[in-house]
PDB file of N, CA and C in Angstrom:
ATOM      1  N   UNK A   1    -137.350  25.783  12.412  1.00  0.00           N
ATOM      2  CA  UNK A   1    -137.363  24.520  13.774  1.00  0.00           C
ATOM      3  C   UNK A   1    -138.012  25.983  14.653  1.00  0.00           C
ATOM      4  N   UNK A   2    -138.824  24.977  15.415  1.00  0.00           N
ATOM      5  CA  UNK A   2    -139.611  25.918  16.097  1.00  0.00           C
ATOM      6  C   UNK A   2    -138.442  25.824  17.227  1.00  0.00           C
ATOM      7  N   UNK A   3    -139.304  26.849  18.797  1.00  0.00           N
ATOM      8  CA  UNK A   3    -138.241  26.492  19.996  1.00  0.00           C
ATOM      9  C   UNK A   3    -137.817  25.377  20.819  1.00  0.00           C
ATOM     10  N   UNK A   4    -139.176  24.195  20.602  1.00  0.00           N
ATOM     11  CA  UNK A   4    -138.625  23.332  21.607  1.00  0.00           C
ATOM     12  C   UNK A   4    -137.852  22.320  21.513  1.00  0.00           C
ATOM     13  N   UNK A   5    -138.123  22.595  20.013  1.00  0.00           N
ATOM     14  CA  UNK A   5    -136.540  21.951  19.206  1.00  0.00           C
ATOM     15  C   UNK A   5    -135.304  22.030  18.762  1.00  0.00           C
ATOM     16  N   UNK A   6    -134.640  23.213  18.910  1.00  0.00           N
ATOM     17  CA  UNK A   6    -134.056  24.432  19.770  1.00  0.00           C
ATOM     18  C   UNK A   6    -133.396  23.901  21.091  1.00  0.00           C
ATOM     19  N   UNK A   7    -134.530  24.504  21.680  1.00  0.00           N
ATOM     20  CA  UNK A   7    -134.196  23.687  23.576  1.00  0.00           C
ATOM     21  C   UNK A   7    -133.822  22.413  23.785  1.00  0.00           C
ATOM     22  N   UNK A   8    -134.418  21.523  23.113  1.00  0.00           N
ATOM     23  CA  UNK A   8    -133.985  19.684  23.481  1.00  0.00           C
ATOM     24  C   UNK A   8    -132.953  19.662  22.615  1.00  0.00           C
ATOM     25  N   UNK A   9    -132.426  20.377  21.195  1.00  0.00           N
ATOM     26  CA  UNK A   9    -131.270  20.520  20.605  1.00  0.00           C
ATOM     27  C   UNK A   9    -130.332  20.741  21.312  1.00  0.00           C
ATOM     28  N   UNK A  10    -130.640  22.292  22.036  1.00  0.00           N
ATOM     29  CA  UNK A  10    -128.884  22.723  23.078  1.00  0.00           C
ATOM     30  C   UNK A  10    -129.154  21.818  24.470  1.00  0.00           C
ATOM     31  N   UNK A  11    -130.485  21.597  24.106  1.00  0.00           N
ATOM     32  CA  UNK A  11    -129.509  20.675  26.162  1.00  0.00           C
ATOM     33  C   UNK A  11    -129.044  19.583  26.001  1.00  0.00           C
ATOM     34  N   UNK A  12    -129.049  19.067  25.059  1.00  0.00           N
ATOM     35  CA  UNK A  12    -128.791  17.959  24.186  1.00  0.00           C
ATOM     36  C   UNK A  12    -126.319  18.690  23.918  1.00  0.00           C
ATOM     37  N   UNK A  13    -126.697  19.239  23.506  1.00  0.00           N
ATOM     38  CA  UNK A  13    -125.875  19.616  23.511  1.00  0.00           C
ATOM     39  C   UNK A  13    -124.615  20.021  24.963  1.00  0.00           C
ATOM     40  N   UNK A  14    -125.222  20.149  25.821  1.00  0.00           N
ATOM     41  CA  UNK A  14    -124.677  20.485  26.621  1.00  0.00           C
ATOM     42  C   UNK A  14    -124.472  19.117  27.414  1.00  0.00           C
ATOM     43  N   UNK A  15    -125.785  18.402  27.462  1.00  0.00           N
ATOM     44  CA  UNK A  15    -125.505  16.727  28.501  1.00  0.00           C
ATOM     45  C   UNK A  15    -124.321  16.275  27.365  1.00  0.00           C
ATOM     46  N   UNK A  16    -124.058  16.734  26.125  1.00  0.00           N
ATOM     47  CA  UNK A  16    -123.159  16.102  25.359  1.00  0.00           C
ATOM     48  C   UNK A  16    -121.616  16.985  25.873  1.00  0.00           C
ATOM     49  N   UNK A  17    -121.089  17.946  25.884  1.00  0.00           N
ATOM     50  CA  UNK A  17    -120.476  18.634  26.616  1.00  0.00           C
ATOM     51  C   UNK A  17    -120.088  17.926  27.644  1.00  0.00           C
ATOM     52  N   UNK A  18    -120.795  17.767  29.159  1.00  0.00           N
ATOM     53  CA  UNK A  18    -121.015  17.921  30.321  1.00  0.00           C
ATOM     54  C   UNK A  18    -119.774  16.881  30.471  1.00  0.00           C
ATOM     55  N   UNK A  19    -120.544  15.628  29.064  1.00  0.00           N
ATOM     56  CA  UNK A  19    -119.836  14.163  29.200  1.00  0.00           C
ATOM     57  C   UNK A  19    -118.187  13.714  29.194  1.00  0.00           C
ATOM     58  N   UNK A  20    -117.661  15.493  28.161  1.00  0.00           N
ATOM     59  CA  UNK A  20    -115.820  15.646  28.228  1.00  0.00           C
ATOM     60  C   UNK A  20    -115.576  15.778  29.201  1.00  0.00           C
ATOM     61  N   UNK A  21    -113.866  15.669  29.046  1.00  0.00           N
ATOM     62  CA  UNK A  21    -113.384  15.458  30.723  1.00  0.00           C
ATOM     63  C   UNK A  21    -113.017  17.608  30.510  1.00  0.00           C
ATOM     64  N   UNK A  22    -112.795  17.244  31.831  1.00  0.00           N
ATOM     65  CA  UNK A  22    -112.337  18.810  31.785  1.00  0.00           C
ATOM     66  C   UNK A  22    -111.942  19.202  30.773  1.00  0.00           C
ATOM     67  N   UNK A  23    -110.518  18.772  30.799  1.00  0.00           N
ATOM     68  CA  UNK A  23    -109.997  20.008  29.811  1.00  0.00           C
ATOM     69  C   UNK A  23    -110.696  19.885  28.173  1.00  0.00           C
ATOM     70  N   UNK A  24    -110.792  18.742  28.453  1.00  0.00           N
ATOM     71  CA  UNK A  24    -111.703  19.061  26.874  1.00  0.00           C
ATOM     72  C   UNK A  24    -112.622  19.868  26.851  1.00  0.00           C
ATOM     73  N   UNK A  25    -112.972  20.206  27.937  1.00  0.00           N
ATOM     74  CA  UNK A  25    -114.724  21.117  28.082  1.00  0.00           C
ATOM     75  C   UNK A  25    -114.609  22.584  28.004  1.00  0.00           C
ATOM     76  N   UNK A  26    -112.999  22.901  28.285  1.00  0.00           N
ATOM     77  CA  UNK A  26    -112.169  24.065  28.178  1.00  0.00           C
ATOM     78  C   UNK A  26    -111.859  24.391  26.913  1.00  0.00           C
ATOM     79  N   UNK A  27    -111.049  23.131  26.814  1.00  0.00           N
ATOM     80  CA  UNK A  27    -110.758  24.292  25.008  1.00  0.00           C
ATOM     81  C   UNK A  27    -111.724  24.166  25.031  1.00  0.00           C
ATOM     82  N   UNK A  28    -112.891  23.688  24.017  1.00  0.00           N
ATOM     83  CA  UNK A  28    -114.010  23.375  23.654  1.00  0.00           C
ATOM     84  C   UNK A  28    -114.612  25.124  24.370  1.00  0.00           C
ATOM     85  N   UNK A  29    -114.645  25.946  25.114  1.00  0.00           N
ATOM     86  CA  UNK A  29    -115.118  26.788  25.603  1.00  0.00           C
ATOM     87  C   UNK A  29    -114.026  27.986  24.556  1.00  0.00           C
ATOM     88  N   UNK A  30    -112.569  27.872  25.084  1.00  0.00           N
ATOM     89  CA  UNK A  30    -111.888  28.895  23.958  1.00  0.00           C
ATOM     90  C   UNK A  30    -111.863  28.669  22.379  1.00  0.00           C
ATOM     91  N   UNK A  31    -112.269  27.392  22.702  1.00  0.00           N
ATOM     92  CA  UNK A  31    -112.413  27.624  20.051  1.00  0.00           C
ATOM     93  C   UNK A  31    -113.994  28.934  20.036  1.00  0.00           C
ATOM     94  N   UNK A  32    -114.496  28.100  21.429  1.00  0.00           N
ATOM     95  CA  UNK A  32    -116.228  28.743  21.028  1.00  0.00           C
ATOM     96  C   UNK A  32    -115.826  30.015  20.550  1.00  0.00           C
ATOM     97  N   UNK A  33    -115.098  30.286  21.874  1.00  0.00           N
ATOM     98  CA  UNK A  33    -114.372  31.957  22.456  1.00  0.00           C
ATOM     99  C   UNK A  33    -114.041  32.635  20.858  1.00  0.00           C
ATOM    100  N   UNK A  34    -113.380  32.018  20.888  1.00  0.00           N
ATOM    101  CA  UNK A  34    -111.890  32.670  18.949  1.00  0.00           C
ATOM    102  C   UNK A  34    -112.448  32.669  18.669  1.00  0.00           C
ATOM    103  N   UNK A  35    -113.416  31.509  17.937  1.00  0.00           N
ATOM    104  CA  UNK A  35    -114.595  31.864  16.432  1.00  0.00           C
ATOM    105  C   UNK A  35    -115.553  32.556  16.582  1.00  0.00           C
ATOM    106  N   UNK A  36    -116.092  33.179  17.790  1.00  0.00           N
ATOM    107  CA  UNK A  36    -117.138  34.473  18.109  1.00  0.00           C
ATOM    108  C   UNK A  36    -116.142  35.818  18.281  1.00  0.00           C
ATOM    109  N   UNK A  37    -115.467  35.756  18.590  1.00  0.00           N
ATOM    110  CA  UNK A  37    -114.592  36.861  18.095  1.00  0.00           C
ATOM    111  C   UNK A  37    -114.092  37.050  16.401  1.00  0.00           C
ATOM    112  N   UNK A  38    -113.847  35.903  15.699  1.00  0.00           N
ATOM    113  CA  UNK A  38    -113.822  35.674  14.056  1.00  0.00           C
ATOM    114  C   UNK A  38    -114.967  36.658  14.147  1.00  0.00           C
ATOM    115  N   UNK A  39    -116.128  35.984  14.199  1.00  0.00           N
ATOM    116  CA  UNK A  39    -117.297  36.227  13.934  1.00  0.00           C
ATOM    117  C   UNK A  39    -117.424  37.843  14.054  1.00  0.00           C
ATOM    118  N   UNK A  40    -117.172  38.258  15.029  1.00  0.00           N
ATOM    119  CA  UNK A  40    -117.595  39.715  14.997  1.00  0.00           C
ATOM    120  C   UNK A  40    -116.483  40.953  14.800  1.00  0.00           C
ATOM    121  N   UNK A  41    -115.235  40.055  14.602  1.00  0.00           N
ATOM    122  CA  UNK A  41    -114.585  41.024  13.984  1.00  0.00           C
ATOM    123  C   UNK A  41    -114.769  40.965  12.219  1.00  0.00           C
ATOM    124  N   UNK A  42    -115.250  39.978  11.561  1.00  0.00           N
ATOM    125  CA  UNK A  42    -115.903  39.973  10.603  1.00  0.00           C
ATOM    126  C   UNK A  42    -116.321  40.604   9.945  1.00  0.00           C
ATOM    127  N   UNK A  43    -117.547  41.274  11.694  1.00  0.00           N
ATOM    128  CA  UNK A  43    -119.285  41.159  10.788  1.00  0.00           C
ATOM    129  C   UNK A  43    -118.640  42.973  10.847  1.00  0.00           C
ATOM    130  N   UNK A  44    -117.198  43.575  11.555  1.00  0.00           N
ATOM    131  CA  UNK A  44    -117.076  45.025  11.997  1.00  0.00           C
ATOM    132  C   UNK A  44    -116.354  45.613  10.537  1.00  0.00           C
ATOM    133  N   UNK A  45    -115.700  45.004   9.808  1.00  0.00           N
ATOM    134  CA  UNK A  45    -115.497  45.126   8.825  1.00  0.00           C
ATOM    135  C   UNK A  45    -115.595  45.242   7.414  1.00  0.00           C
ATOM    136  N   UNK A  46    -117.450  44.389   7.503  1.00  0.00           N
ATOM    137  CA  UNK A  46    -118.091  44.420   6.819  1.00  0.00           C
ATOM    138  C   UNK A  46    -118.674  45.506   6.979  1.00  0.00           C
ATOM    139  N   UNK A  47    -118.716  46.081   8.130  1.00  0.00           N
ATOM    140  CA  UNK A  47    -119.809  47.511   8.513  1.00  0.00           C
ATOM    141  C   UNK A  47    -119.298  47.994   8.200  1.00  0.00           C
ATOM    142  N   UNK A  48    -117.139  48.457   8.170  1.00  0.00           N
ATOM    143  CA  UNK A  48    -116.202  49.396   8.013  1.00  0.00           C
ATOM    144  C   UNK A  48    -116.577  49.845   6.403  1.00  0.00           C
ATOM    145  N   UNK A  49    -117.251  48.621   6.049  1.00  0.00           N
ATOM    146  CA  UNK A  49    -116.426  48.899   4.747  1.00  0.00           C
ATOM    147  C   UNK A  49    -117.855  49.842   4.248  1.00  0.00           C
ATOM    148  N   UNK A  50    -118.591  49.363   4.282  1.00  0.00           N
ATOM    149  CA  UNK A  50    -120.024  49.882   4.157  1.00  0.00           C
ATOM    150  C   UNK A  50    -120.384  51.347   4.722  1.00  0.00           C
ATOM    151  N   UNK A  51    -119.745  51.446   5.506  1.00  0.00           N
ATOM    152  CA  UNK A  51    -120.192  52.807   6.068  1.00  0.00           C
ATOM    153  C   UNK A  51    -119.183  54.052   5.481  1.00  0.00           C
ATOM    154  N   UNK A  52    -117.347  52.948   5.554  1.00  0.00           N
ATOM    155  CA  UNK A  52    -116.796  53.698   4.570  1.00  0.00           C
ATOM    156  C   UNK A  52    -116.900  54.732   2.364  1.00  0.00           C
ATOM    157  N   UNK A  53    -117.867  53.788   1.932  1.00  0.00           N
ATOM    158  CA  UNK A  53    -119.169  53.632   0.363  1.00  0.00           C
ATOM    159  C   UNK A  53    -119.635  54.311   0.393  1.00  0.00           C
ATOM    160  N   UNK A  54    -120.181  54.171   2.318  1.00  0.00           N
ATOM    161  CA  UNK A  54    -121.024  55.217   2.213  1.00  0.00           C
ATOM    162  C   UNK A  54    -120.599  56.479   2.053  1.00  0.00           C
ATOM    163  N   UNK A  55    -119.489  57.002   3.135  1.00  0.00           N
ATOM    164  CA  UNK A  55    -119.362  57.999   2.898  1.00  0.00           C
ATOM    165  C   UNK A  55    -118.526  58.723   2.006  1.00  0.00           C
ATOM    166  N   UNK A  56    -117.828  57.726   1.165  1.00  0.00           N
ATOM    167  CA  UNK A  56    -117.597  57.555   0.309  1.00  0.00           C
ATOM    168  C   UNK A  56    -118.930  58.556  -1.452  1.00  0.00           C
ATOM    169  N   UNK A  57    -119.970  58.183  -0.996  1.00  0.00           N
ATOM    170  CA  UNK A  57    -120.531  58.091  -2.443  1.00  0.00           C
ATOM    171  C   UNK A  57    -121.925  59.625  -1.342  1.00  0.00           C
ATOM    172  N   UNK A  58    -121.174  59.559  -0.204  1.00  0.00           N
ATOM    173  CA  UNK A  58    -121.835  60.943   0.058  1.00  0.00           C
ATOM    174  C   UNK A  58    -122.988  60.158   0.808  1.00  0.00           C
ATOM    175  N   UNK A  59    -123.618  59.425   1.210  1.00  0.00           N
ATOM    176  CA  UNK A  59    -124.562  59.520   1.428  1.00  0.00           C
ATOM    177  C   UNK A  59    -124.210  58.937   3.462  1.00  0.00           C
ATOM    178  N   UNK A  60    -124.002  60.362   3.558  1.00  0.00           N
ATOM    179  CA  UNK A  60    -124.113  60.395   5.325  1.00  0.00           C
ATOM    180  C   UNK A  60    -124.150  61.831   5.376  1.00  0.00           C
ATOM    181  N   UNK A  61    -124.786  62.176   6.379  1.00  0.00           N
ATOM    182  CA  UNK A  61    -124.689  63.511   7.192  1.00  0.00           C
ATOM    183  C   UNK A  61    -124.555  63.801   8.004  1.00  0.00           C
ATOM    184  N   UNK A  62    -123.709  65.359   8.000  1.00  0.00           N
ATOM    185  CA  UNK A  62    -122.953  65.288   9.832  1.00  0.00           C
ATOM    186  C   UNK A  62    -123.554  66.940  10.632  1.00  0.00           C
ATOM    187  N   UNK A  63    -123.816  66.492  11.353  1.00  0.00           N
ATOM    188  CA  UNK A  63    -124.197  67.457  11.899  1.00  0.00           C
ATOM    189  C   UNK A  63    -124.388  67.333  14.096  1.00  0.00           C
ATOM    190  N   UNK A  64    -124.211  67.809  14.725  1.00  0.00           N
ATOM    191  CA  UNK A  64    -124.512  67.610  16.370  1.00  0.00           C
ATOM    192  C   UNK A  64    -126.210  66.883  16.863  1.00  0.00           C
ATOM    193  N   UNK A  65    -125.974  66.783  17.535  1.00  0.00           N
ATOM    194  CA  UNK A  65    -127.447  65.728  18.057  1.00  0.00           C
ATOM    195  C   UNK A  65    -128.656  66.629  18.234  1.00  0.00           C
ATOM    196  N   UNK A  66    -128.122  68.070  18.103  1.00  0.00           N
ATOM    197  CA  UNK A  66    -129.576  68.391  18.069  1.00  0.00           C
ATOM    198  C   UNK A  66    -129.755  68.350  17.002  1.00  0.00           C
ATOM    199  N   UNK A  67    -128.553  68.798  15.793  1.00  0.00           N
ATOM    200  CA  UNK A  67    -129.699  68.480  14.370  1.00  0.00           C
ATOM    201  C   UNK A  67    -130.896  67.597  14.476  1.00  0.00           C
ATOM    202  N   UNK A  68    -129.635  66.826  14.576  1.00  0.00           N
ATOM    203  CA  UNK A  68    -130.450  65.159  14.643  1.00  0.00           C
ATOM    204  C   UNK A  68    -132.018  65.520  15.078  1.00  0.00           C
ATOM    205  N   UNK A  69    -131.465  65.919  16.282  1.00  0.00           N
ATOM    206  CA  UNK A  69    -133.282  65.695  16.434  1.00  0.00           C
ATOM    207  C   UNK A  69    -134.641  66.664  16.263  1.00  0.00           C
ATOM    208  N   UNK A  70    -133.657  67.891  15.915  1.00  0.00           N
ATOM    209  CA  UNK A  70    -134.424  68.879  15.084  1.00  0.00           C
ATOM    210  C   UNK A  70    -135.231  68.011  14.026  1.00  0.00           C
ATOM    211  N   UNK A  71    -134.465  67.632  13.093  1.00  0.00           N
ATOM    212  CA  UNK A  71    -134.699  66.805  12.009  1.00  0.00           C
ATOM    213  C   UNK A  71    -135.213  65.624  12.149  1.00  0.00           C
ATOM    214  N   UNK A  72    -135.255  64.590  12.951  1.00  0.00           N
ATOM    215  CA  UNK A  72    -136.511  64.020  13.541  1.00  0.00           C
ATOM    216  C   UNK A  72    -137.675  65.081  13.887  1.00  0.00           C
ATOM    217  N   UNK A  73    -137.549  65.843  13.986  1.00  0.00           N
ATOM    218  CA  UNK A  73    -138.736  66.338  14.673  1.00  0.00           C
ATOM    219  C   UNK A  73    -139.664  66.697  13.366  1.00  0.00           C
ATOM    220  N   UNK A  74    -138.645  66.827  12.367  1.00  0.00           N
ATOM    221  CA  UNK A  74    -140.107  67.701  11.165  1.00  0.00           C
ATOM    222  C   UNK A  74    -140.048  66.377  10.692  1.00  0.00           C
TER     223      UNK A  74
END
Protein backbone atom coordinates (compact mmCIF):
# COMPACT_ATOMS: atom_id res chain seq x y z
CA UNK A 1 0.00 0.00 0.00
CA UNK A 2 1.51 3.32 -1.01
CA UNK A 3 1.84 6.39 1.20
CA UNK A 4 -0.96 8.29 -0.49
CA UNK A 5 -3.39 5.40 -0.02
CA UNK A 6 -2.41 5.07 3.64
CA UNK A 7 -2.83 8.80 4.11
CA UNK A 8 -6.27 8.86 2.51
CA UNK A 9 -7.37 5.78 4.51
CA UNK A 10 -6.15 7.43 7.67
CA UNK A 11 -7.96 10.65 6.85
CA UNK A 12 -11.16 8.73 6.13
CA UNK A 13 -10.92 6.97 9.49
CA UNK A 14 -10.45 10.29 11.25
CA UNK A 15 -13.45 11.75 9.48
CA UNK A 16 -15.55 8.69 10.40
CA UNK A 17 -14.53 8.98 14.03
CA UNK A 18 -15.42 12.67 14.04
CA UNK A 19 -18.99 11.77 13.07
CA UNK A 20 -19.37 9.77 16.29
CA UNK A 21 -20.82 11.34 19.42
CA UNK A 22 -18.17 12.69 21.81
CA UNK A 23 -18.77 9.90 24.34
CA UNK A 24 -18.17 7.29 21.64
CA UNK A 25 -15.01 9.08 20.53
CA UNK A 26 -13.73 9.05 24.10
CA UNK A 27 -14.59 5.37 24.43
CA UNK A 28 -12.77 4.62 21.18
CA UNK A 29 -9.69 6.46 22.42
CA UNK A 30 -9.73 4.43 25.62
CA UNK A 31 -10.16 1.15 23.73
CA UNK A 32 -7.26 1.97 21.42
CA UNK A 33 -5.10 3.08 24.35
CA UNK A 34 -5.77 -0.18 26.21
CA UNK A 35 -5.03 -2.25 23.10
CA UNK A 36 -1.75 -0.41 22.58
CA UNK A 37 -0.82 -1.07 26.21
CA UNK A 38 -1.63 -4.76 25.78
CA UNK A 39 0.32 -4.91 22.53
CA UNK A 40 3.38 -3.35 24.16
CA UNK A 41 3.01 -5.68 27.15
CA UNK A 42 3.02 -8.68 24.79
CA UNK A 43 6.12 -7.34 23.04
CA UNK A 44 7.89 -6.91 26.37
CA UNK A 45 6.99 -10.45 27.45
CA UNK A 46 8.53 -11.77 24.24
CA UNK A 47 11.66 -9.65 24.67
CA UNK A 48 12.10 -10.75 28.29
CA UNK A 49 11.68 -14.41 27.29
CA UNK A 50 14.30 -13.98 24.55
CA UNK A 51 16.69 -12.25 26.97
CA UNK A 52 16.25 -14.99 29.56
CA UNK A 53 16.90 -17.67 26.97
CA UNK A 54 20.02 -15.86 25.77
CA UNK A 55 21.22 -15.57 29.36
CA UNK A 56 20.54 -19.25 30.11
CA UNK A 57 22.37 -20.39 26.96
CA UNK A 58 25.30 -18.10 27.66
CA UNK A 59 24.71 -15.83 24.69
CA UNK A 60 25.21 -12.66 26.73
CA UNK A 61 28.27 -10.76 27.81
CA UNK A 62 28.90 -8.81 30.94
CA UNK A 63 31.04 -5.79 31.47
CA UNK A 64 31.19 -2.09 31.95
CA UNK A 65 30.51 0.59 29.39
CA UNK A 66 34.26 0.96 29.15
CA UNK A 67 34.57 -2.75 28.28
CA UNK A 68 31.95 -2.34 25.57
CA UNK A 69 33.69 0.67 24.07
CA UNK A 70 37.02 -1.20 24.03
CA UNK A 71 35.37 -4.12 22.28
CA UNK A 72 33.80 -1.85 19.69
CA UNK A 73 37.19 -0.31 18.93
CA UNK A 74 38.75 -3.69 18.07
